């Protein structure tokens, strides 16, 4: 998925799960479009609530 290993996806999901304020994460850019190349960065956006 997105040219990432299953372990990479788990790592990202586990990191996001540590923050209750994060409600969702979105991957965008070349990885989301499927035209990524080896070494492409991971474009991501996180959304959620803030108690500040």
PDB file of N, CA and C in Angstrom:
ATOM      1  N   UNK A   1       0.849  -1.175   0.000  1.00  0.00           N
ATOM      2  CA  UNK A   1       0.000   0.000   0.000  1.00  0.00           C
ATOM      3  C   UNK A   1       0.899   1.244   0.000  1.00  0.00           C
ATOM      4  N   UNK A   2       0.701   2.129  -0.932  1.00  0.00           N
ATOM      5  CA  UNK A   2       1.460   3.381  -1.049  1.00  0.00           C
ATOM      6  C   UNK A   2       2.947   3.149  -1.241  1.00  0.00           C
ATOM      7  N   UNK A   3       3.326   1.931  -1.624  1.00  0.00           N
ATOM      8  CA  UNK A   3       4.742   1.621  -1.793  1.00  0.00           C
ATOM      9  C   UNK A   3       5.483   1.490  -0.483  1.00  0.00           C
ATOM     10  N   UNK A   4       4.757   1.254   0.586  1.00  0.00           N
ATOM     11  CA  UNK A   4       5.363   1.117   1.913  1.00  0.00           C
ATOM     12  C   UNK A   4       5.199  -0.321   2.394  1.00  0.00           C
ATOM     13  N   UNK A   5       6.111  -0.751   3.231  1.00  0.00           N
ATOM     14  CA  UNK A   5       5.995  -2.074   3.839  1.00  0.00           C
ATOM     15  C   UNK A   5       4.865  -2.067   4.861  1.00  0.00           C
ATOM     16  N   UNK A   6       4.302  -3.233   5.130  1.00  0.00           N
ATOM     17  CA  UNK A   6       3.278  -3.339   6.173  1.00  0.00           C
ATOM     18  C   UNK A   6       3.811  -2.838   7.509  1.00  0.00           C
ATOM     19  N   UNK A   7       5.088  -3.105   7.771  1.00  0.00           N
ATOM     20  CA  UNK A   7       5.677  -2.652   9.034  1.00  0.00           C
ATOM     21  C   UNK A   7       5.771  -1.119   9.085  1.00  0.00           C
ATOM     22  N   UNK A   8       5.970  -0.469   7.933  1.00  0.00           N
ATOM     23  CA  UNK A   8       5.985   0.994   7.883  1.00  0.00           C
ATOM     24  C   UNK A   8       4.608   1.559   8.220  1.00  0.00           C
ATOM     25  N   UNK A   9       3.572   0.963   7.659  1.00  0.00           N
ATOM     26  CA  UNK A   9       2.190   1.402   7.924  1.00  0.00           C
ATOM     27  C   UNK A   9       1.868   1.222   9.404  1.00  0.00           C
ATOM     28  N   UNK A  10       2.248   0.081   9.977  1.00  0.00           N
ATOM     29  CA  UNK A  10       2.018  -0.163  11.405  1.00  0.00           C
ATOM     30  C   UNK A  10       2.749   0.869  12.255  1.00  0.00           C
ATOM     31  N   UNK A  11       3.985   1.191  11.891  1.00  0.00           N
ATOM     32  CA  UNK A  11       4.775   2.173  12.628  1.00  0.00           C
ATOM     33  C   UNK A  11       4.083   3.530  12.623  1.00  0.00           C
ATOM     34  N   UNK A  12       3.613   3.956  11.459  1.00  0.00           N
ATOM     35  CA  UNK A  12       2.907   5.238  11.336  1.00  0.00           C
ATOM     36  C   UNK A  12       1.624   5.210  12.162  1.00  0.00           C
ATOM     37  N   UNK A  13       0.843   4.146  12.027  1.00  0.00           N
ATOM     38  CA  UNK A  13      -0.412   4.040  12.777  1.00  0.00           C
ATOM     39  C   UNK A  13      -0.164   4.051  14.284  1.00  0.00           C
ATOM     40  N   UNK A  14       0.849   3.339  14.737  1.00  0.00           N
ATOM     41  CA  UNK A  14       1.166   3.306  16.168  1.00  0.00           C
ATOM     42  C   UNK A  14       1.605   4.676  16.670  1.00  0.00           C
ATOM     43  N   UNK A  15       2.381   5.393  15.864  1.00  0.00           N
ATOM     44  CA  UNK A  15       2.820   6.736  16.263  1.00  0.00           C
ATOM     45  C   UNK A  15       1.625   7.676  16.384  1.00  0.00           C
ATOM     46  N   UNK A  16       0.699   7.627  15.419  1.00  0.00           N
ATOM     47  CA  UNK A  16      -0.481   8.498  15.459  1.00  0.00           C
ATOM     48  C   UNK A  16      -1.399   8.136  16.622  1.00  0.00           C
ATOM     49  N   UNK A  17      -1.479   6.843  16.943  1.00  0.00           N
ATOM     50  CA  UNK A  17      -2.372   6.377  18.013  1.00  0.00           C
ATOM     51  C   UNK A  17      -1.961   6.895  19.393  1.00  0.00           C
ATOM     52  N   UNK A  18      -0.742   7.366  19.534  1.00  0.00           N
ATOM     53  CA  UNK A  18      -0.267   7.870  20.820  1.00  0.00           C
ATOM     54  C   UNK A  18      -0.852   9.228  21.177  1.00  0.00           C
ATOM     55  N   UNK A  19      -1.525   9.857  20.226  1.00  0.00           N
ATOM     56  CA  UNK A  19      -2.070  11.198  20.437  1.00  0.00           C
ATOM     57  C   UNK A  19      -3.591  11.160  20.263  1.00  0.00           C
ATOM     58  N   UNK A  20      -4.310  11.263  21.373  1.00  0.00           N
ATOM     59  CA  UNK A  20      -5.770  11.198  21.340  1.00  0.00           C
ATOM     60  C   UNK A  20      -6.368  12.315  20.483  1.00  0.00           C
ATOM     61  N   UNK A  21      -5.658  13.433  20.352  1.00  0.00           N
ATOM     62  CA  UNK A  21      -6.176  14.572  19.591  1.00  0.00           C
ATOM     63  C   UNK A  21      -6.205  14.305  18.078  1.00  0.00           C
ATOM     64  N   UNK A  22      -5.396  13.360  17.620  1.00  0.00           N
ATOM     65  CA  UNK A  22      -5.358  13.048  16.189  1.00  0.00           C
ATOM     66  C   UNK A  22      -6.501  12.105  15.866  1.00  0.00           C
ATOM     67  N   UNK A  23      -7.392  12.568  15.016  1.00  0.00           N
ATOM     68  CA  UNK A  23      -8.562  11.776  14.640  1.00  0.00           C
ATOM     69  C   UNK A  23      -8.363  11.035  13.326  1.00  0.00           C
ATOM     70  N   UNK A  24      -7.500  11.562  12.456  1.00  0.00           N
ATOM     71  CA  UNK A  24      -7.284  10.893  11.176  1.00  0.00           C
ATOM     72  C   UNK A  24      -5.929  11.290  10.606  1.00  0.00           C
ATOM     73  N   UNK A  25      -5.435  10.460   9.728  1.00  0.00           N
ATOM     74  CA  UNK A  25      -4.203  10.736   9.005  1.00  0.00           C
ATOM     75  C   UNK A  25      -4.436  10.453   7.533  1.00  0.00           C
ATOM     76  N   UNK A  26      -3.868  11.284   6.671  1.00  0.00           N
ATOM     77  CA  UNK A  26      -4.063  11.146   5.233  1.00  0.00           C
ATOM     78  C   UNK A  26      -2.702  11.168   4.554  1.00  0.00           C
ATOM     79  N   UNK A  27      -2.481  10.239   3.641  1.00  0.00           N
ATOM     80  CA  UNK A  27      -1.278  10.246   2.819  1.00  0.00           C
ATOM     81  C   UNK A  27      -1.646  10.874   1.479  1.00  0.00           C
ATOM     82  N   UNK A  28      -0.816  11.820   1.025  1.00  0.00           N
ATOM     83  CA  UNK A  28      -1.107  12.495  -0.241  1.00  0.00           C
ATOM     84  C   UNK A  28       0.148  12.558  -1.098  1.00  0.00           C
ATOM     85  N   UNK A  29       0.045  13.148  -2.231  1.00  0.00           N
ATOM     86  CA  UNK A  29       1.190  13.296  -3.130  1.00  0.00           C
ATOM     87  C   UNK A  29       1.404  12.066  -3.987  1.00  0.00           C
ATOM     88  N   UNK A  30       2.662  11.856  -4.367  1.00  0.00           N
ATOM     89  CA  UNK A  30       2.980  10.780  -5.307  1.00  0.00           C
ATOM     90  C   UNK A  30       2.621   9.402  -4.756  1.00  0.00           C
ATOM     91  N   UNK A  31       2.746   9.211  -3.457  1.00  0.00           N
ATOM     92  CA  UNK A  31       2.399   7.897  -2.893  1.00  0.00           C
ATOM     93  C   UNK A  31       0.898   7.639  -2.988  1.00  0.00           C
ATOM     94  N   UNK A  32       0.098   8.652  -2.752  1.00  0.00           N
ATOM     95  CA  UNK A  32      -1.358   8.487  -2.857  1.00  0.00           C
ATOM     96  C   UNK A  32      -1.782   8.303  -4.312  1.00  0.00           C
ATOM     97  N   UNK A  33      -1.093   8.980  -5.225  1.00  0.00           N
ATOM     98  CA  UNK A  33      -1.451   8.885  -6.648  1.00  0.00           C
ATOM     99  C   UNK A  33      -0.899   7.619  -7.294  1.00  0.00           C
ATOM    100  N   UNK A  34       0.071   6.990  -6.630  1.00  0.00           N
ATOM    101  CA  UNK A  34       0.618   5.751  -7.159  1.00  0.00           C
ATOM    102  C   UNK A  34       1.786   5.943  -8.115  1.00  0.00           C
ATOM    103  N   UNK A  35       2.299   7.159  -8.244  1.00  0.00           N
ATOM    104  CA  UNK A  35       3.436   7.378  -9.144  1.00  0.00           C
ATOM    105  C   UNK A  35       4.717   7.704  -8.379  1.00  0.00           C
ATOM    106  N   UNK A  36       4.837   7.175  -7.158  1.00  0.00           N
ATOM    107  CA  UNK A  36       6.014   7.377  -6.325  1.00  0.00           C
ATOM    108  C   UNK A  36       7.202   6.628  -6.931  1.00  0.00           C
ATOM    109  N   UNK A  37       8.364   7.045  -6.527  1.00  0.00           N
ATOM    110  CA  UNK A  37       9.599   6.387  -6.923  1.00  0.00           C
ATOM    111  C   UNK A  37      10.335   5.954  -5.653  1.00  0.00           C
ATOM    112  N   UNK A  38      11.294   5.068  -5.807  1.00  0.00           N
ATOM    113  CA  UNK A  38      12.095   4.632  -4.666  1.00  0.00           C
ATOM    114  C   UNK A  38      12.676   5.868  -3.979  1.00  0.00           C
ATOM    115  N   UNK A  39      12.506   5.959  -2.678  1.00  0.00           N
ATOM    116  CA  UNK A  39      13.030   7.089  -1.923  1.00  0.00           C
ATOM    117  C   UNK A  39      12.091   8.280  -1.835  1.00  0.00           C
ATOM    118  N   UNK A  40      10.911   8.198  -2.457  1.00  0.00           N
ATOM    119  CA  UNK A  40       9.950   9.301  -2.346  1.00  0.00           C
ATOM    120  C   UNK A  40       9.583   9.523  -0.884  1.00  0.00           C
ATOM    121  N   UNK A  41       9.383  10.786  -0.523  1.00  0.00           N
ATOM    122  CA  UNK A  41       8.971  11.083   0.849  1.00  0.00           C
ATOM    123  C   UNK A  41       7.526  10.657   1.049  1.00  0.00           C
ATOM    124  N   UNK A  42       7.088  10.714   2.282  1.00  0.00           N
ATOM    125  CA  UNK A  42       5.710  10.349   2.623  1.00  0.00           C
ATOM    126  C   UNK A  42       4.987  11.638   2.973  1.00  0.00           C
ATOM    127  N   UNK A  43       4.171  12.132   2.050  1.00  0.00           N
ATOM    128  CA  UNK A  43       3.361  13.321   2.312  1.00  0.00           C
ATOM    129  C   UNK A  43       2.191  12.919   3.189  1.00  0.00           C
ATOM    130  N   UNK A  44       2.049  13.570   4.331  1.00  0.00           N
ATOM    131  CA  UNK A  44       0.961  13.191   5.227  1.00  0.00           C
ATOM    132  C   UNK A  44       0.392  14.423   5.913  1.00  0.00           C
ATOM    133  N   UNK A  45      -0.841  14.275   6.280  1.00  0.00           N
ATOM    134  CA  UNK A  45      -1.592  15.329   6.973  1.00  0.00           C
ATOM    135  C   UNK A  45      -2.321  14.661   8.125  1.00  0.00           C
ATOM    136  N   UNK A  46      -2.326  15.298   9.255  1.00  0.00           N
ATOM    137  CA  UNK A  46      -3.055  14.782  10.420  1.00  0.00           C
ATOM    138  C   UNK A  46      -4.138  15.798  10.779  1.00  0.00           C
ATOM    139  N   UNK A  47      -5.273  15.295  11.179  1.00  0.00           N
ATOM    140  CA  UNK A  47      -6.364  16.175  11.585  1.00  0.00           C
ATOM    141  C   UNK A  47      -6.965  15.712  12.893  1.00  0.00           C
ATOM    142  N   UNK A  48      -7.509  16.656  13.612  1.00  0.00           N
ATOM    143  CA  UNK A  48      -8.127  16.276  14.870  1.00  0.00           C
ATOM    144  C   UNK A  48      -8.524  17.467  15.688  1.00  0.00           C
ATOM    145  N   UNK A  49      -8.653  17.237  16.964  1.00  0.00           N
ATOM    146  CA  UNK A  49      -9.090  18.277  17.884  1.00  0.00           C
ATOM    147  C   UNK A  49      -7.923  18.750  18.725  1.00  0.00           C
ATOM    148  N   UNK A  50      -8.094  19.895  19.317  1.00  0.00           N
ATOM    149  CA  UNK A  50      -7.074  20.434  20.200  1.00  0.00           C
ATOM    150  C   UNK A  50      -7.740  20.993  21.445  1.00  0.00           C
ATOM    151  N   UNK A  51      -7.131  20.753  22.575  1.00  0.00           N
ATOM    152  CA  UNK A  51      -7.688  21.277  23.830  1.00  0.00           C
ATOM    153  C   UNK A  51      -6.972  22.544  24.262  1.00  0.00           C
ATOM    154  N   UNK A  52      -6.176  23.120  23.381  1.00  0.00           N
ATOM    155  CA  UNK A  52      -5.422  24.338  23.716  1.00  0.00           C
ATOM    156  C   UNK A  52      -6.334  25.545  23.598  1.00  0.00           C
TER     157      UNK A  52
END
